[in-house]
PDB file of N, CA and C in Angstrom:
ATOM      1  N   MET A   1      -6.646  21.448 -14.689  1.00  0.00           N
ATOM      2  CA  MET A   1      -7.602  22.014 -13.538  1.00  0.00           C
ATOM      3  C   MET A   1      -8.368  21.007 -13.576  1.00  0.00           C
ATOM      4  N   PHE A   2      -8.863  20.755 -12.331  1.00  0.00           N
ATOM      5  CA  PHE A   2     -10.115  19.810 -11.987  1.00  0.00           C
ATOM      6  C   PHE A   2     -11.512  20.404 -11.365  1.00  0.00           C
ATOM      7  N   PHE A   3     -12.530  19.349 -11.912  1.00  0.00           N
ATOM      8  CA  PHE A   3     -13.402  20.275 -10.964  1.00  0.00           C
ATOM      9  C   PHE A   3     -14.325  19.129 -10.371  1.00  0.00           C
ATOM     10  N   THR A   4     -14.140  19.971  -9.143  1.00  0.00           N
ATOM     11  CA  THR A   4     -14.838  18.844  -7.379  1.00  0.00           C
ATOM     12  C   THR A   4     -16.259  19.407  -7.551  1.00  0.00           C
ATOM     13  N   TYR A   5     -16.855  18.334  -7.340  1.00  0.00           N
ATOM     14  CA  TYR A   5     -18.349  18.716  -6.733  1.00  0.00           C
ATOM     15  C   TYR A   5     -19.432  19.268  -7.687  1.00  0.00           C
ATOM     16  N   GLY A   6     -19.086  18.559  -8.888  1.00  0.00           N
ATOM     17  CA  GLY A   6     -20.176  18.646 -10.230  1.00  0.00           C
ATOM     18  C   GLY A   6     -20.703  18.029 -10.507  1.00  0.00           C
ATOM     19  N   PRO A   7     -21.056  17.971 -11.774  1.00  0.00           N
ATOM     20  CA  PRO A   7     -22.123  17.045 -12.316  1.00  0.00           C
ATOM     21  C   PRO A   7     -21.415  15.578 -12.750  1.00  0.00           C
ATOM     22  N   GLN A   8     -22.286  14.612 -12.542  1.00  0.00           N
ATOM     23  CA  GLN A   8     -21.783  13.170 -12.964  1.00  0.00           C
ATOM     24  C   GLN A   8     -21.008  12.890 -11.621  1.00  0.00           C
ATOM     25  N   ALA A   9     -21.193  13.312 -10.535  1.00  0.00           N
ATOM     26  CA  ALA A   9     -20.730  12.682  -9.462  1.00  0.00           C
ATOM     27  C   ALA A   9     -21.886  12.212  -8.625  1.00  0.00           C
ATOM     28  N   PRO A  10     -21.512  11.897  -7.279  1.00  0.00           N
ATOM     29  CA  PRO A  10     -22.904  11.430  -6.268  1.00  0.00           C
ATOM     30  C   PRO A  10     -23.130  13.033  -5.651  1.00  0.00           C
ATOM     31  N   THR A  11     -22.867  13.942  -6.056  1.00  0.00           N
ATOM     32  CA  THR A  11     -22.881  15.342  -5.649  1.00  0.00           C
ATOM     33  C   THR A  11     -24.300  15.584  -5.016  1.00  0.00           C
ATOM     34  N   ALA A  12     -25.363  15.885  -5.527  1.00  0.00           N
ATOM     35  CA  ALA A  12     -26.816  15.835  -5.009  1.00  0.00           C
ATOM     36  C   ALA A  12     -27.329  14.726  -3.987  1.00  0.00           C
ATOM     37  N   PHE A  13     -26.156  13.549  -3.750  1.00  0.00           N
ATOM     38  CA  PHE A  13     -26.870  12.442  -3.055  1.00  0.00           C
ATOM     39  C   PHE A  13     -25.821  12.210  -1.988  1.00  0.00           C
ATOM     40  N   ALA A  14     -25.174  13.018  -1.496  1.00  0.00           N
ATOM     41  CA  ALA A  14     -23.890  12.659  -0.986  1.00  0.00           C
ATOM     42  C   ALA A  14     -23.568  13.793   0.110  1.00  0.00           C
ATOM     43  N   ASN A  15     -23.162  13.766   1.108  1.00  0.00           N
ATOM     44  CA  ASN A  15     -22.835  15.198   2.285  1.00  0.00           C
ATOM     45  C   ASN A  15     -21.528  15.489   1.805  1.00  0.00           C
ATOM     46  N   GLY A  16     -21.595  16.805   1.449  1.00  0.00           N
ATOM     47  CA  GLY A  16     -20.621  17.703   0.605  1.00  0.00           C
ATOM     48  C   GLY A  16     -19.140  17.269   1.073  1.00  0.00           C
ATOM     49  N   PRO A  17     -18.872  17.656   2.440  1.00  0.00           N
ATOM     50  CA  PRO A  17     -17.811  17.608   2.730  1.00  0.00           C
ATOM     51  C   PRO A  17     -17.294  16.224   2.304  1.00  0.00           C
ATOM     52  N   THR A  18     -17.990  15.116   2.688  1.00  0.00           N
ATOM     53  CA  THR A  18     -17.313  13.921   2.759  1.00  0.00           C
ATOM     54  C   THR A  18     -16.733  13.811   0.927  1.00  0.00           C
ATOM     55  N   LEU A  19     -17.399  14.274   0.358  1.00  0.00           N
ATOM     56  CA  LEU A  19     -17.524  13.841  -1.164  1.00  0.00           C
ATOM     57  C   LEU A  19     -16.178  14.621  -1.713  1.00  0.00           C
ATOM     58  N   ILE A  20     -16.430  16.261  -1.122  1.00  0.00           N
ATOM     59  CA  ILE A  20     -15.515  16.777  -1.462  1.00  0.00           C
ATOM     60  C   ILE A  20     -13.939  16.580  -1.045  1.00  0.00           C
ATOM     61  N   GLU A  21     -13.714  15.786  -0.056  1.00  0.00           N
ATOM     62  CA  GLU A  21     -12.731  15.213   0.410  1.00  0.00           C
ATOM     63  C   GLU A  21     -12.158  14.328  -0.221  1.00  0.00           C
ATOM     64  N   ILE A  22     -13.278  13.295  -0.645  1.00  0.00           N
ATOM     65  CA  ILE A  22     -13.015  11.771  -1.302  1.00  0.00           C
ATOM     66  C   ILE A  22     -12.050  12.669  -2.883  1.00  0.00           C
ATOM     67  N   GLN A  23     -12.756  13.428  -3.499  1.00  0.00           N
ATOM     68  CA  GLN A  23     -12.285  14.053  -4.594  1.00  0.00           C
ATOM     69  C   GLN A  23     -11.107  14.629  -4.583  1.00  0.00           C
ATOM     70  N   ALA A  24     -10.651  15.528  -3.633  1.00  0.00           N
ATOM     71  CA  ALA A  24      -9.435  16.280  -3.572  1.00  0.00           C
ATOM     72  C   ALA A  24      -8.101  15.398  -3.009  1.00  0.00           C
ATOM     73  N   ASP A  25      -8.744  14.283  -2.354  1.00  0.00           N
ATOM     74  CA  ASP A  25      -7.713  13.150  -2.331  1.00  0.00           C
ATOM     75  C   ASP A  25      -6.997  12.600  -3.590  1.00  0.00           C
ATOM     76  N   TRP A  26      -8.091  12.364  -4.083  1.00  0.00           N
ATOM     77  CA  TRP A  26      -8.013  11.541  -5.706  1.00  0.00           C
ATOM     78  C   TRP A  26      -7.239  12.752  -6.476  1.00  0.00           C
ATOM     79  N   VAL A  27      -7.790  13.799  -6.774  1.00  0.00           N
ATOM     80  CA  VAL A  27      -6.571  15.051  -7.310  1.00  0.00           C
ATOM     81  C   VAL A  27      -5.468  15.194  -6.871  1.00  0.00           C
ATOM     82  N   ILE A  28      -5.412  15.290  -5.777  1.00  0.00           N
ATOM     83  CA  ILE A  28      -3.733  15.209  -4.909  1.00  0.00           C
ATOM     84  C   ILE A  28      -2.997  14.173  -5.520  1.00  0.00           C
ATOM     85  N   LYS A  29      -3.262  12.536  -5.843  1.00  0.00           N
ATOM     86  CA  LYS A  29      -2.695  11.527  -5.852  1.00  0.00           C
ATOM     87  C   LYS A  29      -2.718  11.821  -7.242  1.00  0.00           C
ATOM     88  N   VAL A  30      -3.477  12.163  -8.037  1.00  0.00           N
ATOM     89  CA  VAL A  30      -3.302  12.303  -9.440  1.00  0.00           C
ATOM     90  C   VAL A  30      -2.046  13.555  -9.865  1.00  0.00           C
ATOM     91  N   ILE A  31      -2.445  14.658  -8.932  1.00  0.00           N
ATOM     92  CA  ILE A  31      -1.044  15.873  -9.450  1.00  0.00           C
ATOM     93  C   ILE A  31       0.021  15.012  -8.851  1.00  0.00           C
ATOM     94  N   ASP A  32       0.192  14.688  -7.984  1.00  0.00           N
ATOM     95  CA  ASP A  32       1.644  14.198  -7.400  1.00  0.00           C
ATOM     96  C   ASP A  32       2.021  12.745  -8.332  1.00  0.00           C
ATOM     97  N   TYR A  33       1.351  11.808  -8.970  1.00  0.00           N
ATOM     98  CA  TYR A  33       1.534  10.947  -9.900  1.00  0.00           C
ATOM     99  C   TYR A  33       2.048  11.634 -11.362  1.00  0.00           C
ATOM    100  N   CYS A  34       1.789  12.730 -11.475  1.00  0.00           N
ATOM    101  CA  CYS A  34       2.010  13.518 -12.839  1.00  0.00           C
ATOM    102  C   CYS A  34       3.267  13.966 -12.681  1.00  0.00           C
ATOM    103  N   GLU A  35       3.121  15.050 -11.328  1.00  0.00           N
ATOM    104  CA  GLU A  35       4.536  15.394 -10.950  1.00  0.00           C
ATOM    105  C   GLU A  35       5.862  14.712 -11.498  1.00  0.00           C
ATOM    106  N   SER A  36       5.800  13.338 -10.582  1.00  0.00           N
ATOM    107  CA  SER A  36       6.827  12.359 -10.302  1.00  0.00           C
ATOM    108  C   SER A  36       7.219  11.773 -11.848  1.00  0.00           C
ATOM    109  N   ASN A  37       6.164  11.893 -12.706  1.00  0.00           N
ATOM    110  CA  ASN A  37       6.333  11.227 -13.801  1.00  0.00           C
ATOM    111  C   ASN A  37       6.590  11.996 -15.109  1.00  0.00           C
ATOM    112  N   GLY A  38       6.575  13.249 -14.797  1.00  0.00           N
ATOM    113  CA  GLY A  38       6.580  14.462 -15.992  1.00  0.00           C
ATOM    114  C   GLY A  38       5.736  14.630 -16.893  1.00  0.00           C
ATOM    115  N   ILE A  39       4.547  14.367 -16.268  1.00  0.00           N
ATOM    116  CA  ILE A  39       2.951  14.362 -16.947  1.00  0.00           C
ATOM    117  C   ILE A  39       2.898  15.989 -16.807  1.00  0.00           C
ATOM    118  N   LYS A  40       2.752  16.417 -18.548  1.00  0.00           N
ATOM    119  CA  LYS A  40       1.906  17.655 -18.409  1.00  0.00           C
ATOM    120  C   LYS A  40       1.022  17.868 -18.288  1.00  0.00           C
ATOM    121  N   TYR A  41       0.024  17.099 -18.640  1.00  0.00           N
ATOM    122  CA  TYR A  41      -1.722  17.197 -18.599  1.00  0.00           C
ATOM    123  C   TYR A  41      -2.310  15.759 -18.600  1.00  0.00           C
ATOM    124  N   ILE A  42      -3.390  15.750 -17.614  1.00  0.00           N
ATOM    125  CA  ILE A  42      -4.179  14.636 -18.141  1.00  0.00           C
ATOM    126  C   ILE A  42      -5.448  14.738 -18.339  1.00  0.00           C
ATOM    127  N   ASP A  43      -6.234  14.124 -19.291  1.00  0.00           N
ATOM    128  CA  ASP A  43      -7.407  14.142 -19.572  1.00  0.00           C
ATOM    129  C   ASP A  43      -8.093  12.922 -20.212  1.00  0.00           C
ATOM    130  N   ALA A  44      -9.448  12.978 -19.845  1.00  0.00           N
ATOM    131  CA  ALA A  44     -10.371  11.772 -19.908  1.00  0.00           C
ATOM    132  C   ALA A  44     -10.510  11.496 -21.364  1.00  0.00           C
ATOM    133  N   LYS A  45     -10.920  10.455 -21.632  1.00  0.00           N
ATOM    134  CA  LYS A  45     -10.767  10.122 -22.916  1.00  0.00           C
ATOM    135  C   LYS A  45     -12.053  10.007 -23.684  1.00  0.00           C
ATOM    136  N   GLU A  46     -12.221  10.412 -24.666  1.00  0.00           N
ATOM    137  CA  GLU A  46     -13.603  10.619 -24.978  1.00  0.00           C
ATOM    138  C   GLU A  46     -14.841   9.632 -25.088  1.00  0.00           C
ATOM    139  N   ASP A  47     -13.688   8.303 -25.091  1.00  0.00           N
ATOM    140  CA  ASP A  47     -14.957   6.755 -25.380  1.00  0.00           C
ATOM    141  C   ASP A  47     -14.937   6.871 -23.433  1.00  0.00           C
ATOM    142  N   ALA A  48     -13.964   7.098 -22.777  1.00  0.00           N
ATOM    143  CA  ALA A  48     -14.308   6.855 -21.188  1.00  0.00           C
ATOM    144  C   ALA A  48     -15.504   8.012 -20.565  1.00  0.00           C
ATOM    145  N   GLN A  49     -15.669   8.816 -21.481  1.00  0.00           N
ATOM    146  CA  GLN A  49     -16.491   9.948 -20.984  1.00  0.00           C
ATOM    147  C   GLN A  49     -17.612   9.727 -21.709  1.00  0.00           C
ATOM    148  N   THR A  50     -17.842   8.580 -22.488  1.00  0.00           N
ATOM    149  CA  THR A  50     -19.228   8.179 -23.007  1.00  0.00           C
ATOM    150  C   THR A  50     -19.378   7.429 -22.333  1.00  0.00           C
ATOM    151  N   GLN A  51     -18.818   6.298 -21.900  1.00  0.00           N
ATOM    152  CA  GLN A  51     -19.225   5.002 -21.429  1.00  0.00           C
ATOM    153  C   GLN A  51     -19.546   5.420 -19.821  1.00  0.00           C
ATOM    154  N   TRP A  52     -19.219   6.457 -18.994  1.00  0.00           N
ATOM    155  CA  TRP A  52     -19.015   7.013 -17.892  1.00  0.00           C
ATOM    156  C   TRP A  52     -20.920   7.413 -18.092  1.00  0.00           C
ATOM    157  N   ALA A  53     -20.815   8.045 -18.788  1.00  0.00           N
ATOM    158  CA  ALA A  53     -22.382   8.955 -19.012  1.00  0.00           C
ATOM    159  C   ALA A  53     -23.167   7.757 -19.369  1.00  0.00           C
ATOM    160  N   LYS A  54     -22.795   6.491 -20.071  1.00  0.00           N
ATOM    161  CA  LYS A  54     -24.005   5.473 -20.078  1.00  0.00           C
ATOM    162  C   LYS A  54     -24.072   4.888 -18.990  1.00  0.00           C
ATOM    163  N   GLU A  55     -23.163   4.703 -18.125  1.00  0.00           N
ATOM    164  CA  GLU A  55     -23.597   3.682 -16.529  1.00  0.00           C
ATOM    165  C   GLU A  55     -23.972   4.835 -15.776  1.00  0.00           C
ATOM    166  N   ILE A  56     -23.761   6.278 -15.801  1.00  0.00           N
ATOM    167  CA  ILE A  56     -25.066   6.980 -15.129  1.00  0.00           C
ATOM    168  C   ILE A  56     -26.206   6.981 -15.710  1.00  0.00           C
ATOM    169  N   THR A  57     -26.712   6.898 -17.016  1.00  0.00           N
ATOM    170  CA  THR A  57     -27.944   6.705 -17.584  1.00  0.00           C
ATOM    171  C   THR A  57     -28.441   5.381 -17.264  1.00  0.00           C
ATOM    172  N   ALA A  58     -27.595   3.908 -17.018  1.00  0.00           N
ATOM    173  CA  ALA A  58     -28.076   2.278 -16.738  1.00  0.00           C
ATOM    174  C   ALA A  58     -28.639   2.930 -15.338  1.00  0.00           C
ATOM    175  N   ILE A  59     -27.717   3.525 -14.493  1.00  0.00           N
ATOM    176  CA  ILE A  59     -28.312   3.507 -13.031  1.00  0.00           C
ATOM    177  C   ILE A  59     -29.540   4.077 -12.791  1.00  0.00           C
ATOM    178  N   ALA A  60     -29.666   5.170 -13.287  1.00  0.00           N
ATOM    179  CA  ALA A  60     -30.597   5.879 -13.239  1.00  0.00           C
ATOM    180  C   ALA A  60     -32.092   5.360 -13.956  1.00  0.00           C
ATOM    181  N   ASN A  61     -31.578   4.719 -14.777  1.00  0.00           N
ATOM    182  CA  ASN A  61     -33.354   3.971 -15.856  1.00  0.00           C
ATOM    183  C   ASN A  61     -33.807   3.122 -14.430  1.00  0.00           C
ATOM    184  N   ALA A  62     -32.955   2.395 -13.584  1.00  0.00           N
ATOM    185  CA  ALA A  62     -33.553   1.654 -12.767  1.00  0.00           C
ATOM    186  C   ALA A  62     -34.263   2.498 -11.408  1.00  0.00           C
ATOM    187  N   THR A  63     -34.332   3.810 -11.613  1.00  0.00           N
ATOM    188  CA  THR A  63     -35.363   4.115 -10.888  1.00  0.00           C
ATOM    189  C   THR A  63     -36.060   4.975 -11.295  1.00  0.00           C
ATOM    190  N   LEU A  64     -36.684   5.993 -10.546  1.00  0.00           N
ATOM    191  CA  LEU A  64     -38.000   6.523 -10.997  1.00  0.00           C
ATOM    192  C   LEU A  64     -37.478   8.573 -11.420  1.00  0.00           C
ATOM    193  N   PHE A  65     -36.511   8.504 -11.662  1.00  0.00           N
ATOM    194  CA  PHE A  65     -35.795  10.106 -11.505  1.00  0.00           C
ATOM    195  C   PHE A  65     -35.818  10.297 -12.963  1.00  0.00           C
ATOM    196  N   PRO A  66     -35.742   9.714 -14.003  1.00  0.00           N
ATOM    197  CA  PRO A  66     -36.082   9.820 -15.127  1.00  0.00           C
ATOM    198  C   PRO A  66     -37.308  10.645 -16.172  1.00  0.00           C
ATOM    199  N   LEU A  67     -38.715   9.918 -14.723  1.00  0.00           N
ATOM    200  CA  LEU A  67     -39.685  10.596 -15.182  1.00  0.00           C
ATOM    201  C   LEU A  67     -40.102  11.776 -14.240  1.00  0.00           C
ATOM    202  N   ALA A  68     -38.904  12.153 -13.974  1.00  0.00           N
ATOM    203  CA  ALA A  68     -39.214  13.575 -13.302  1.00  0.00           C
ATOM    204  C   ALA A  68     -38.494  14.868 -13.874  1.00  0.00           C
ATOM    205  N   ASP A  69     -39.562  15.987 -13.926  1.00  0.00           N
ATOM    206  CA  ASP A  69     -39.002  16.919 -14.513  1.00  0.00           C
ATOM    207  C   ASP A  69     -38.334  17.947 -13.515  1.00  0.00           C
ATOM    208  N   SER A  70     -36.954  17.586 -13.058  1.00  0.00           N
ATOM    209  CA  SER A  70     -36.396  18.427 -12.257  1.00  0.00           C
ATOM    210  C   SER A  70     -35.184  18.628 -12.824  1.00  0.00           C
ATOM    211  N   TRP A  71     -34.250  19.321 -11.634  1.00  0.00           N
ATOM    212  CA  TRP A  71     -32.986  19.755 -12.308  1.00  0.00           C
ATOM    213  C   TRP A  71     -32.151  18.736 -12.099  1.00  0.00           C
ATOM    214  N   TYR A  72     -32.255  17.671 -11.312  1.00  0.00           N
ATOM    215  CA  TYR A  72     -31.633  16.490 -11.504  1.00  0.00           C
ATOM    216  C   TYR A  72     -31.295  15.746 -12.518  1.00  0.00           C
ATOM    217  N   MET A  73     -32.606  15.915 -13.533  1.00  0.00           N
ATOM    218  CA  MET A  73     -32.324  15.676 -14.738  1.00  0.00           C
ATOM    219  C   MET A  73     -31.812  16.599 -15.938  1.00  0.00           C
ATOM    220  N   GLY A  74     -31.997  17.704 -15.122  1.00  0.00           N
ATOM    221  CA  GLY A  74     -31.296  19.092 -15.998  1.00  0.00           C
ATOM    222  C   GLY A  74     -32.889  19.321 -16.965  1.00  0.00           C
ATOM    223  N   ALA A  75     -33.617  19.317 -16.548  1.00  0.00           N
ATOM    224  CA  ALA A  75     -35.159  19.851 -17.429  1.00  0.00           C
ATOM    225  C   ALA A  75     -35.368  21.173 -16.758  1.00  0.00           C
ATOM    226  N   ASN A  76     -34.589  21.742 -15.675  1.00  0.00           N
ATOM    227  CA  ASN A  76     -34.539  22.827 -15.461  1.00  0.00           C
ATOM    228  C   ASN A  76     -33.692  24.092 -16.513  1.00  0.00           C
ATOM    229  N   VAL A  77     -33.146  23.542 -17.815  1.00  0.00           N
ATOM    230  CA  VAL A  77     -32.659  24.469 -18.698  1.00  0.00           C
ATOM    231  C   VAL A  77     -33.067  24.029 -20.042  1.00  0.00           C
ATOM    232  N   PRO A  78     -33.993  25.370 -20.447  1.00  0.00           N
ATOM    233  CA  PRO A  78     -34.604  25.263 -21.713  1.00  0.00           C
ATOM    234  C   PRO A  78     -33.734  24.635 -22.971  1.00  0.00           C
ATOM    235  N   GLY A  79     -34.353  23.331 -23.657  1.00  0.00           N
ATOM    236  CA  GLY A  79     -33.862  22.814 -25.007  1.00  0.00           C
ATOM    237  C   GLY A  79     -32.748  22.221 -24.870  1.00  0.00           C
ATOM    238  N   LYS A  80     -32.386  22.129 -23.320  1.00  0.00           N
ATOM    239  CA  LYS A  80     -31.402  21.054 -22.751  1.00  0.00           C
ATOM    240  C   LYS A  80     -31.802  19.723 -22.924  1.00  0.00           C
ATOM    241  N   PRO A  81     -31.476  18.268 -23.214  1.00  0.00           N
ATOM    242  CA  PRO A  81     -31.835  16.999 -23.178  1.00  0.00           C
ATOM    243  C   PRO A  81     -32.370  16.854 -22.002  1.00  0.00           C
ATOM    244  N   LYS A  82     -32.873  15.682 -21.345  1.00  0.00           N
ATOM    245  CA  LYS A  82     -32.917  15.557 -20.236  1.00  0.00           C
ATOM    246  C   LYS A  82     -32.166  14.215 -19.603  1.00  0.00           C
ATOM    247  N   GLU A  83     -31.077  14.373 -18.856  1.00  0.00           N
ATOM    248  CA  GLU A  83     -30.316  13.256 -18.517  1.00  0.00           C
ATOM    249  C   GLU A  83     -30.181  13.357 -17.247  1.00  0.00           C
ATOM    250  N   MET A  84     -29.902  12.201 -16.364  1.00  0.00           N
ATOM    251  CA  MET A  84     -29.303  12.232 -14.888  1.00  0.00           C
ATOM    252  C   MET A  84     -27.769  12.794 -15.289  1.00  0.00           C
ATOM    253  N   LEU A  85     -27.630  13.781 -14.006  1.00  0.00           N
ATOM    254  CA  LEU A  85     -26.600  15.020 -13.828  1.00  0.00           C
ATOM    255  C   LEU A  85     -25.703  14.188 -12.833  1.00  0.00           C
ATOM    256  N   ASN A  86     -26.358  13.431 -11.908  1.00  0.00           N
ATOM    257  CA  ASN A  86     -25.663  12.848 -10.756  1.00  0.00           C
ATOM    258  C   ASN A  86     -25.451  11.175 -10.741  1.00  0.00           C
ATOM    259  N   PHE A  87     -24.587  10.761 -10.087  1.00  0.00           N
ATOM    260  CA  PHE A  87     -24.230   9.484 -10.244  1.00  0.00           C
ATOM    261  C   PHE A  87     -24.877   8.898  -9.020  1.00  0.00           C
ATOM    262  N   LEU A  88     -25.888   7.847  -9.428  1.00  0.00           N
ATOM    263  CA  LEU A  88     -26.548   7.622  -8.479  1.00  0.00           C
ATOM    264  C   LEU A  88     -25.971   5.775  -7.654  1.00  0.00           C
ATOM    265  N   GLY A  89     -24.827   5.827  -7.629  1.00  0.00           N
ATOM    266  CA  GLY A  89     -24.324   4.279  -7.426  1.00  0.00           C
ATOM    267  C   GLY A  89     -23.705   4.459  -5.981  1.00  0.00           C
ATOM    268  N   GLY A  90     -23.664   5.782  -5.646  1.00  0.00           N
ATOM    269  CA  GLY A  90     -23.532   5.618  -4.070  1.00  0.00           C
ATOM    270  C   GLY A  90     -22.207   6.423  -3.962  1.00  0.00           C
ATOM    271  N   VAL A  91     -21.630   6.860  -2.558  1.00  0.00           N
ATOM    272  CA  VAL A  91     -20.257   7.245  -2.370  1.00  0.00           C
ATOM    273  C   VAL A  91     -19.312   6.356  -2.405  1.00  0.00           C
ATOM    274  N   PRO A  92     -19.592   5.093  -1.831  1.00  0.00           N
ATOM    275  CA  PRO A  92     -18.493   3.947  -1.565  1.00  0.00           C
ATOM    276  C   PRO A  92     -18.253   3.384  -3.072  1.00  0.00           C
ATOM    277  N   LYS A  93     -19.058   3.284  -3.918  1.00  0.00           N
ATOM    278  CA  LYS A  93     -19.117   2.792  -5.284  1.00  0.00           C
ATOM    279  C   LYS A  93     -18.043   3.889  -5.976  1.00  0.00           C
ATOM    280  N   TYR A  94     -18.601   4.898  -5.941  1.00  0.00           N
ATOM    281  CA  TYR A  94     -17.607   6.233  -6.328  1.00  0.00           C
ATOM    282  C   TYR A  94     -16.172   6.407  -6.208  1.00  0.00           C
ATOM    283  N   SER A  95     -16.068   6.140  -4.836  1.00  0.00           N
ATOM    284  CA  SER A  95     -15.076   6.212  -4.406  1.00  0.00           C
ATOM    285  C   SER A  95     -14.031   4.394  -4.840  1.00  0.00           C
ATOM    286  N   GLU A  96     -14.691   3.539  -4.815  1.00  0.00           N
ATOM    287  CA  GLU A  96     -13.909   2.515  -5.605  1.00  0.00           C
ATOM    288  C   GLU A  96     -13.412   2.718  -7.081  1.00  0.00           C
ATOM    289  N   ILE A  97     -14.648   3.210  -7.628  1.00  0.00           N
ATOM    290  CA  ILE A  97     -14.294   3.692  -8.979  1.00  0.00           C
ATOM    291  C   ILE A  97     -12.798   4.323  -9.168  1.00  0.00           C
ATOM    292  N   LEU A  98     -13.022   5.750  -8.347  1.00  0.00           N
ATOM    293  CA  LEU A  98     -11.668   6.547  -8.571  1.00  0.00           C
ATOM    294  C   LEU A  98     -10.623   5.834  -8.021  1.00  0.00           C
ATOM    295  N   GLN A  99     -10.309   5.034  -7.063  1.00  0.00           N
ATOM    296  CA  GLN A  99      -9.398   4.121  -6.608  1.00  0.00           C
ATOM    297  C   GLN A  99      -9.116   3.038  -7.839  1.00  0.00           C
ATOM    298  N   TYR A 100      -9.920   2.526  -8.796  1.00  0.00           N
ATOM    299  CA  TYR A 100      -9.750   1.748  -9.615  1.00  0.00           C
ATOM    300  C   TYR A 100      -8.967   2.484 -10.507  1.00  0.00           C
ATOM    301  N   VAL A 101      -9.066   3.662 -10.690  1.00  0.00           N
ATOM    302  CA  VAL A 101      -8.441   4.478 -12.040  1.00  0.00           C
ATOM    303  C   VAL A 101      -7.349   4.576 -11.153  1.00  0.00           C
ATOM    304  N   LEU A 102      -6.709   5.309 -10.470  1.00  0.00           N
ATOM    305  CA  LEU A 102      -5.169   5.151  -9.791  1.00  0.00           C
ATOM    306  C   LEU A 102      -4.598   3.820  -9.892  1.00  0.00           C
ATOM    307  N   GLU A 103      -5.513   2.550  -9.456  1.00  0.00           N
ATOM    308  CA  GLU A 103      -4.261   1.239  -9.593  1.00  0.00           C
ATOM    309  C   GLU A 103      -4.260   0.537 -11.018  1.00  0.00           C
ATOM    310  N   ASN A 104      -5.090   1.285 -12.092  1.00  0.00           N
ATOM    311  CA  ASN A 104      -5.255   0.902 -13.121  1.00  0.00           C
ATOM    312  C   ASN A 104      -4.605   1.572 -14.283  1.00  0.00           C
ATOM    313  N   ASN A 105      -3.139   2.482 -13.889  1.00  0.00           N
ATOM    314  CA  ASN A 105      -2.279   3.147 -14.869  1.00  0.00           C
ATOM    315  C   ASN A 105      -3.442   4.121 -15.624  1.00  0.00           C
ATOM    316  N   PHE A 106      -4.573   4.728 -14.764  1.00  0.00           N
ATOM    317  CA  PHE A 106      -5.401   6.092 -15.350  1.00  0.00           C
ATOM    318  C   PHE A 106      -6.128   5.414 -16.270  1.00  0.00           C
ATOM    319  N   GLU A 107      -6.813   4.561 -16.585  1.00  0.00           N
ATOM    320  CA  GLU A 107      -7.660   3.231 -17.347  1.00  0.00           C
ATOM    321  C   GLU A 107      -8.317   4.671 -17.792  1.00  0.00           C
ATOM    322  N   GLY A 108      -8.665   4.874 -18.894  1.00  0.00           N
ATOM    323  CA  GLY A 108      -9.801   5.970 -19.473  1.00  0.00           C
ATOM    324  C   GLY A 108      -9.171   7.798 -19.618  1.00  0.00           C
ATOM    325  N   PHE A 109      -8.164   7.530 -19.280  1.00  0.00           N
ATOM    326  CA  PHE A 109      -7.439   8.941 -19.239  1.00  0.00           C
ATOM    327  C   PHE A 109      -6.017   9.202 -20.283  1.00  0.00           C
ATOM    328  N   LYS A 110      -5.530  10.305 -20.749  1.00  0.00           N
ATOM    329  CA  LYS A 110      -4.835  10.403 -21.908  1.00  0.00           C
ATOM    330  C   LYS A 110      -4.057  11.039 -20.904  1.00  0.00           C
ATOM    331  N   LEU A 111      -2.465  10.738 -20.568  1.00  0.00           N
ATOM    332  CA  LEU A 111      -1.700  11.376 -20.184  1.00  0.00           C
ATOM    333  C   LEU A 111      -0.479  11.495 -20.914  1.00  0.00           C
ATOM    334  N   VAL A 112      -0.140  13.027 -20.871  1.00  0.00           N
ATOM    335  CA  VAL A 112       0.911  13.643 -22.218  1.00  0.00           C
ATOM    336  C   VAL A 112       2.268  13.968 -21.043  1.00  0.00           C
ATOM    337  N   LYS A 113       3.552  13.758 -21.927  1.00  0.00           N
ATOM    338  CA  LYS A 113       4.522  14.332 -21.274  1.00  0.00           C
ATOM    339  C   LYS A 113       4.735  15.676 -22.075  1.00  0.00           C
TER     340      LYS A 113
END
């Protein structure tokens, strides 16, 4: 199951249909690859998830967003630690990262046959 147009993507800072199309195209390529190679499931590795969160935080820390008590920072959820919920690197960079994953044997993902 893939979760599109959600947290840790440039969701709130992108044109919705454009971003969903980029993500859906990537999901289709991943599913095609898995079906063609007998892969039963794909899952992000824990260290890759941690690294992605660090990248999102690093980009956010170069802005004023962390100073705001807004939903962008998850501040609207009582008890939740404040953290940037959106990738601020832009849609072109996000698209490049997705393409990199495809071209580099799904680096950061565990593939199971």
